[in-house]
Each structure stands twice: as C-alpha cells, then as structure tokens.
Protein backbone atom coordinates (compact mmCIF):
# COMPACT_ATOMS: atom_id res chain seq x y z
CA UNK A 1 99.31 75.03 89.41
CA UNK A 2 100.26 71.50 87.88
CA UNK A 3 98.15 70.09 90.25
CA UNK A 4 94.84 72.22 90.10
CA UNK A 5 95.33 72.50 86.26
CA UNK A 6 94.66 67.85 86.51
CA UNK A 7 91.92 68.62 89.20
CA UNK A 8 90.31 71.42 86.61
CA UNK A 9 90.53 69.00 83.37
CA UNK A 10 89.36 66.40 85.33
CA UNK A 11 86.64 68.32 86.79
CA UNK A 12 85.57 69.41 82.77
CA UNK A 13 85.83 65.79 81.68
CA UNK A 14 82.85 64.66 84.58
CA UNK A 15 80.59 67.66 83.53
CA UNK A 16 80.95 66.90 80.37
CA UNK A 17 79.98 63.14 80.72
CA UNK A 18 77.44 64.52 82.77
CA UNK A 19 76.00 67.60 80.05
CA UNK A 20 75.80 64.85 77.72
CA UNK A 21 73.85 62.20 79.56
CA UNK A 22 71.63 64.60 80.81
CA UNK A 23 71.36 65.57 76.67
CA UNK A 24 70.22 62.11 75.58
CA UNK A 25 68.20 60.69 78.28
CA UNK A 26 66.56 57.53 76.05
CA UNK A 27 69.77 56.61 74.17
CA UNK A 28 70.74 53.80 76.04
CA UNK A 29 74.36 56.31 76.66
CA UNK A 30 76.91 54.09 78.46
CA UNK A 31 80.42 56.26 78.63
CA UNK A 32 83.05 58.87 76.86
CA UNK A 33 86.59 59.08 75.95
CA UNK A 34 88.25 62.38 76.35
CA UNK A 35 91.27 62.16 73.46
CA UNK A 36 93.70 64.95 73.17
CA UNK A 37 95.00 65.00 69.77
CA UNK A 38 96.65 68.08 68.23
CA UNK A 39 93.33 68.53 65.67
CA UNK A 40 91.74 69.74 69.24
CA UNK A 41 90.22 67.58 71.71
CA UNK A 42 88.32 64.28 70.84
CA UNK A 43 85.45 63.00 72.73
CA UNK A 44 84.28 59.46 72.08
CA UNK A 45 80.88 58.17 72.75
CA UNK A 46 79.74 54.54 73.54
CA UNK A 47 76.02 53.25 72.97
CA UNK A 48 74.09 51.03 72.14
CA UNK A 49 71.30 52.99 69.57
CA UNK A 50 73.80 55.34 68.26
CA UNK A 51 70.71 56.35 65.42
CA UNK A 52 69.19 58.44 68.46
CA UNK A 53 72.43 59.96 69.29
CA UNK A 54 73.41 60.88 65.89
CA UNK A 55 70.51 62.15 64.46
CA UNK A 56 69.30 62.30 60.87
CA UNK A 57 71.78 63.49 58.60
CA UNK A 58 73.85 64.47 61.73
CA UNK A 59 71.59 66.47 63.69
CA UNK A 60 71.64 65.98 66.79
CA UNK A 61 75.78 65.24 66.64
CA UNK A 62 76.59 68.84 65.45
CA UNK A 63 74.54 70.70 67.72
CA UNK A 64 76.03 68.65 70.59
CA UNK A 65 79.12 69.82 69.56
CA UNK A 66 78.09 73.18 68.94
CA UNK A 67 76.73 73.67 72.59
CA UNK A 68 79.71 71.60 73.78
CA UNK A 69 82.12 74.07 72.75
CA UNK A 70 79.67 76.90 73.80
CA UNK A 71 79.15 75.95 77.61
CA UNK A 72 82.23 74.49 78.08
CA UNK A 73 85.14 76.73 76.06
CA UNK A 74 86.84 74.38 74.36
CA UNK A 75 87.86 75.27 70.67
CA UNK A 76 87.18 72.41 68.44
CA UNK A 77 86.23 69.49 70.35
CA UNK A 78 84.87 66.86 67.48
CA UNK A 79 82.66 63.80 68.63
CA UNK A 80 82.59 60.50 67.68
CA UNK A 81 79.68 58.13 69.15
CA UNK A 82 80.81 53.60 68.50
CA UNK A 83 78.28 50.86 69.11
CA UNK A 84 78.68 48.54 72.24
CA UNK A 85 79.08 45.03 70.36
CA UNK A 86 76.99 43.26 73.08
CA UNK A 87 75.19 45.73 75.41
CA UNK A 88 73.14 42.94 77.65
CA UNK A 89 77.09 42.76 79.23
CA UNK A 90 77.72 46.47 79.73
CA UNK A 91 76.48 46.68 83.34
CA UNK A 92 75.36 51.01 82.73
CA UNK A 93 73.94 50.16 79.38
CA UNK A 94 71.36 47.60 81.13
CA UNK A 95 71.03 49.25 84.27
CA UNK A 96 69.10 52.70 81.71
CA UNK A 97 67.24 49.48 79.92
CA UNK A 98 65.97 48.57 83.97
CA UNK A 99 65.04 52.09 85.47
CA UNK A 100 62.96 52.64 81.84
CA UNK A 101 60.83 49.52 82.23
CA UNK A 102 59.92 50.18 86.13
CA UNK A 103 59.16 53.91 84.61
CA UNK A 104 56.98 52.29 81.80
CA UNK A 105 54.92 50.10 85.22
CA UNK A 106 56.50 46.76 84.80
CA UNK A 107 56.68 44.24 87.82
CA UNK A 108 60.63 44.31 89.05
CA UNK A 109 60.84 40.53 89.44
CA UNK A 110 60.34 39.76 86.67
CA UNK A 111 62.74 42.88 84.85
CA UNK A 112 65.02 41.16 87.45
CA UNK A 113 65.19 37.79 86.53
CA UNK A 114 64.61 38.81 83.15
CA UNK A 115 67.91 40.62 82.52
CA UNK A 116 70.29 38.17 84.61
CA UNK A 117 69.38 35.46 82.33
CA UNK A 118 69.71 37.61 79.50
CA UNK A 119 72.93 38.46 81.25
CA UNK A 120 74.16 34.93 81.58
CA UNK A 121 72.82 33.69 78.79
CA UNK A 122 75.67 36.69 77.07
CA UNK A 123 78.96 35.37 78.74
CA UNK A 124 78.70 36.50 81.81
CA UNK A 125 80.59 34.52 84.43
CA UNK A 126 78.88 36.48 86.71
CA UNK A 127 76.30 39.25 87.90
CA UNK A 128 74.43 41.19 90.05
CA UNK A 129 71.62 43.55 89.83
CA UNK A 130 69.65 45.38 93.16
CA UNK A 131 66.57 46.99 92.79
CA UNK A 132 65.97 49.27 96.35
CA UNK A 133 62.67 51.98 96.19
CA UNK A 134 59.24 52.10 96.76
CA UNK A 135 57.49 49.64 94.63
CA UNK A 136 53.78 50.61 94.66
CA UNK A 137 54.04 49.74 98.88
CA UNK A 138 54.68 52.27 102.12
CA UNK A 139 57.98 50.72 102.73
CA UNK A 140 60.55 50.47 101.26
CA UNK A 141 62.10 47.58 100.02
CA UNK A 142 65.79 45.54 97.60
CA UNK A 143 65.40 42.95 95.63
CA UNK A 144 68.87 41.28 94.38
CA UNK A 145 69.09 38.90 91.83
CA UNK A 146 72.07 36.75 92.52
CA UNK A 147 73.38 34.22 89.35
CA UNK A 148 77.53 32.56 89.03
CA UNK A 149 80.64 33.52 90.36
CA UNK A 150 81.45 37.23 91.47
CA UNK A 151 84.26 39.52 93.13
CA UNK A 152 83.23 41.52 95.54
CA UNK A 153 86.36 43.36 96.94
CA UNK A 154 90.15 43.50 96.23
CA UNK A 155 92.17 44.56 93.06
CA UNK A 156 89.84 41.88 91.15
CA UNK A 157 86.77 43.59 91.94
CA UNK A 158 87.95 46.36 90.10
CA UNK A 159 89.62 44.72 87.07
CA UNK A 160 86.99 42.10 86.42
CA UNK A 161 83.57 43.84 87.49
CA UNK A 162 81.82 46.42 85.41
CA UNK A 163 79.81 48.47 87.44
CA UNK A 164 76.37 50.46 86.37
CA UNK A 165 73.94 52.59 88.23
CA UNK A 166 70.69 54.26 87.86
CA UNK A 167 67.81 55.99 89.21
CA UNK A 168 64.14 55.63 87.89
CA UNK A 169 61.04 57.79 88.72
CA UNK A 170 58.20 56.81 89.83
CA UNK A 171 54.79 57.62 90.82
CA UNK A 172 55.81 56.00 95.09
CA UNK A 173 59.13 57.61 94.52
CA UNK A 174 62.88 56.79 93.45
CA UNK A 175 63.84 53.64 93.13
CA UNK A 176 67.60 52.89 92.80
CA UNK A 177 69.37 50.30 90.53
CA UNK A 178 73.05 48.81 90.58
CA UNK A 179 74.28 46.39 87.93
CA UNK A 180 77.54 44.56 88.81
CA UNK A 181 78.53 42.01 85.50
CA UNK A 182 82.26 39.64 85.64
CA UNK A 183 82.63 39.30 81.81
CA UNK A 184 86.01 36.78 82.64
CA UNK A 185 88.19 35.07 85.36
CA UNK A 186 91.12 35.31 86.02
CA UNK A 187 93.57 32.91 86.57
CA UNK A 188 96.42 32.21 89.48
CA UNK A 189 99.10 33.27 86.48
CA UNK A 190 97.33 36.12 85.79
CA UNK A 191 94.89 34.66 82.93
CA UNK A 192 91.62 35.14 82.02
CA UNK A 193 89.05 32.92 80.80
CA UNK A 194 85.36 32.32 80.58
CA UNK A 195 83.92 29.95 82.59
CA UNK A 196 81.92 29.18 79.56
CA UNK A 197 84.68 27.46 77.35
CA UNK A 198 84.90 23.97 77.35
CA UNK A 199 87.47 21.20 76.51
CA UNK A 200 86.76 19.54 73.73
CA UNK A 201 86.72 15.79 75.22
CA UNK A 202 84.14 17.31 77.65
CA UNK A 203 81.99 18.94 74.34
CA UNK A 204 82.03 15.28 72.72
CA UNK A 205 81.16 13.52 75.57
CA UNK A 206 78.28 15.77 75.91
CA UNK A 207 77.20 15.33 72.81
CA UNK A 208 77.75 11.38 72.74
CA UNK A 209 74.91 11.34 75.90
CA UNK A 210 72.92 13.69 74.47
CA UNK A 211 72.21 11.16 71.28
CA UNK A 212 71.76 8.40 74.18
CA UNK A 213 69.06 10.27 75.83
CA UNK A 214 67.56 11.36 72.78
CA UNK A 215 67.51 7.65 71.78
CA UNK A 216 65.67 6.89 75.14
CA UNK A 217 63.33 9.34 74.31
CA UNK A 218 62.70 8.31 71.19
CA UNK A 219 62.13 4.72 72.34
CA UNK A 220 64.98 3.37 70.72
CA UNK A 221 66.50 0.82 71.98
CA UNK A 222 70.38 1.43 73.19
CA UNK A 223 72.93 -0.28 71.41
CA UNK A 224 73.92 -3.82 73.50
CA UNK A 225 76.95 -5.50 73.40
CA UNK A 226 76.77 -9.55 72.30
CA UNK A 227 77.47 -11.50 75.14
CA UNK A 228 79.83 -14.26 75.50
CA UNK A 229 78.19 -17.96 75.08
CA UNK A 230 78.90 -20.22 78.09
CA UNK A 231 79.96 -23.75 77.30
CA UNK A 232 77.37 -26.33 78.64
CA UNK A 233 78.37 -27.26 82.47
CA UNK A 234 79.39 -30.72 83.46
CA UNK A 235 76.01 -32.22 84.63
CA UNK A 236 74.48 -31.42 81.07
CA UNK A 237 77.45 -32.81 79.82
CA UNK A 238 77.38 -36.26 81.47
CA UNK A 239 73.75 -37.62 80.96
CA UNK A 240 74.17 -36.57 76.99
CA UNK A 241 77.48 -39.36 77.14
CA UNK A 242 75.18 -41.90 79.07
CA UNK A 243 72.43 -41.70 76.64
CA UNK A 244 74.67 -42.17 73.50
CA UNK A 245 76.08 -44.92 75.76
CA UNK A 246 73.29 -46.52 75.86
CA UNK A 247 72.32 -46.71 72.43
CA UNK A 248 75.57 -48.83 71.93
CA UNK A 249 74.35 -51.61 73.97
CA UNK A 250 70.61 -51.45 71.99
CA UNK A 251 72.44 -52.21 68.39
CA UNK A 252 75.21 -53.93 69.99
CA UNK A 253 72.06 -56.83 71.06
C-alpha cells in the first residue's frame, strides 16, 4: 500500500508538470518543485519570464490554480513563481529558446553557434547542443556543437551536468534539441570550482602583458634597461699613452 501511494504521487507530479508546460508554451518554463506544507501543496514554478505566467494583476496564476484544483483534486494548491537568475545556464530554457528560433525559420547552424557562445560567456565549464531532424532537405541530419569540458558518464555527469530536451515543429517535420550544460568542475577532494576563476597573480601578469601589447600597437617604445658602459680595451689605452709620451719628449727638447 505504501509503495502504491508513492507511485501515485510521483505520477501526479509528472502530470502536473506536463499540464503547466502545456499551459505556458511560450513562457520559457524551466521546472517545477512540489512542496507539501500544513496548509496544502505548494507548487513553485521556475521560469525566465515570470510576467507571462503571472499575467495582468495575477489573472493567469489564478486561472491555473483553479484548473489544477479541479483536474487533480488538490484541496488547497498554492502557486509560486521564481525567476531564474541566469537563464543561459539553464539547459531547459536554452532548449526552449532554440526550438522557438527554429520554428520562426532561423538557420540551425547560426542558432547553434550563437547559443553555445552565449552559454560559455555566462560562465559554464562546458556545453553541448545536439540538433537533429529535417532541415529543409529530404534526408534527416544531426548537428552537434561542443565547447569546453563536459562529463558524459558516471556520478559527476548526474550531479554536475544540467540536461534539457525540446522539440520544434517545423514544415519539414519535427526537430529535436538536446542541451547539456556543465556549470562547475569537481576536484579530487570533492570541492566545486569553475575554470573561469584565475588567481590574482595570473590576472596581474595578464594585465601587464596586455598593457605592453597595447603600447606596442600604439607605437610607444617599450622601456629599455640602461646597459652598463664597458671599460675601454687595452689596445685603445696603449696608443693614447704612447701619444702622451711623445708630447712630453717634444716639450723637453
């Protein structure tokens, strides 16, 4: 009985998530969290554009609450909306953005290159975008965009890599988009870090090298160290001494 109860609850959570995803197709929906409180069930929606989900003066959120209450039989559902701080590091939002761009007719190569660059600029350790389907030709094709360092298997791949999948409905057919984003890197001791961080000494050396390069481009001469003057050679000193001796002889005569 207890096992069946948890199975039913998990199925209900999946159905609620699917219902919310279908209700807000253009809302850049990321994920939901279901929390059980003494007052009832609290559903937290993570999104990039909360204004589209909340609606004018909370109209959409109120309608969604009533629909969930009637369809799933929940007593007192509470909907809360949270904004994703960095949407470029959320694999589901990125996959949704790529799908909407392909449906509007943008070139898949251009979209893939721009998106992978934007993900890395946001501070990701590594990323992978796979777009497969019919791109206006008779045969299907697969395009893969990879940059940085990415884990593909094992426990680190489950803990550190964010996965996202979306489908785009175009005239030639469906196009699948799979996105993987690795935000942090795990050391041997288990601590997390990003490869973007650099020690202060490395930063200072890099800034100094950049300043020298800019001076060289502007045409300013680099600071040169003064070389120590060399002592005159013996061969140069001997003729001078001989000349002085001849002068002394002339004066004596």
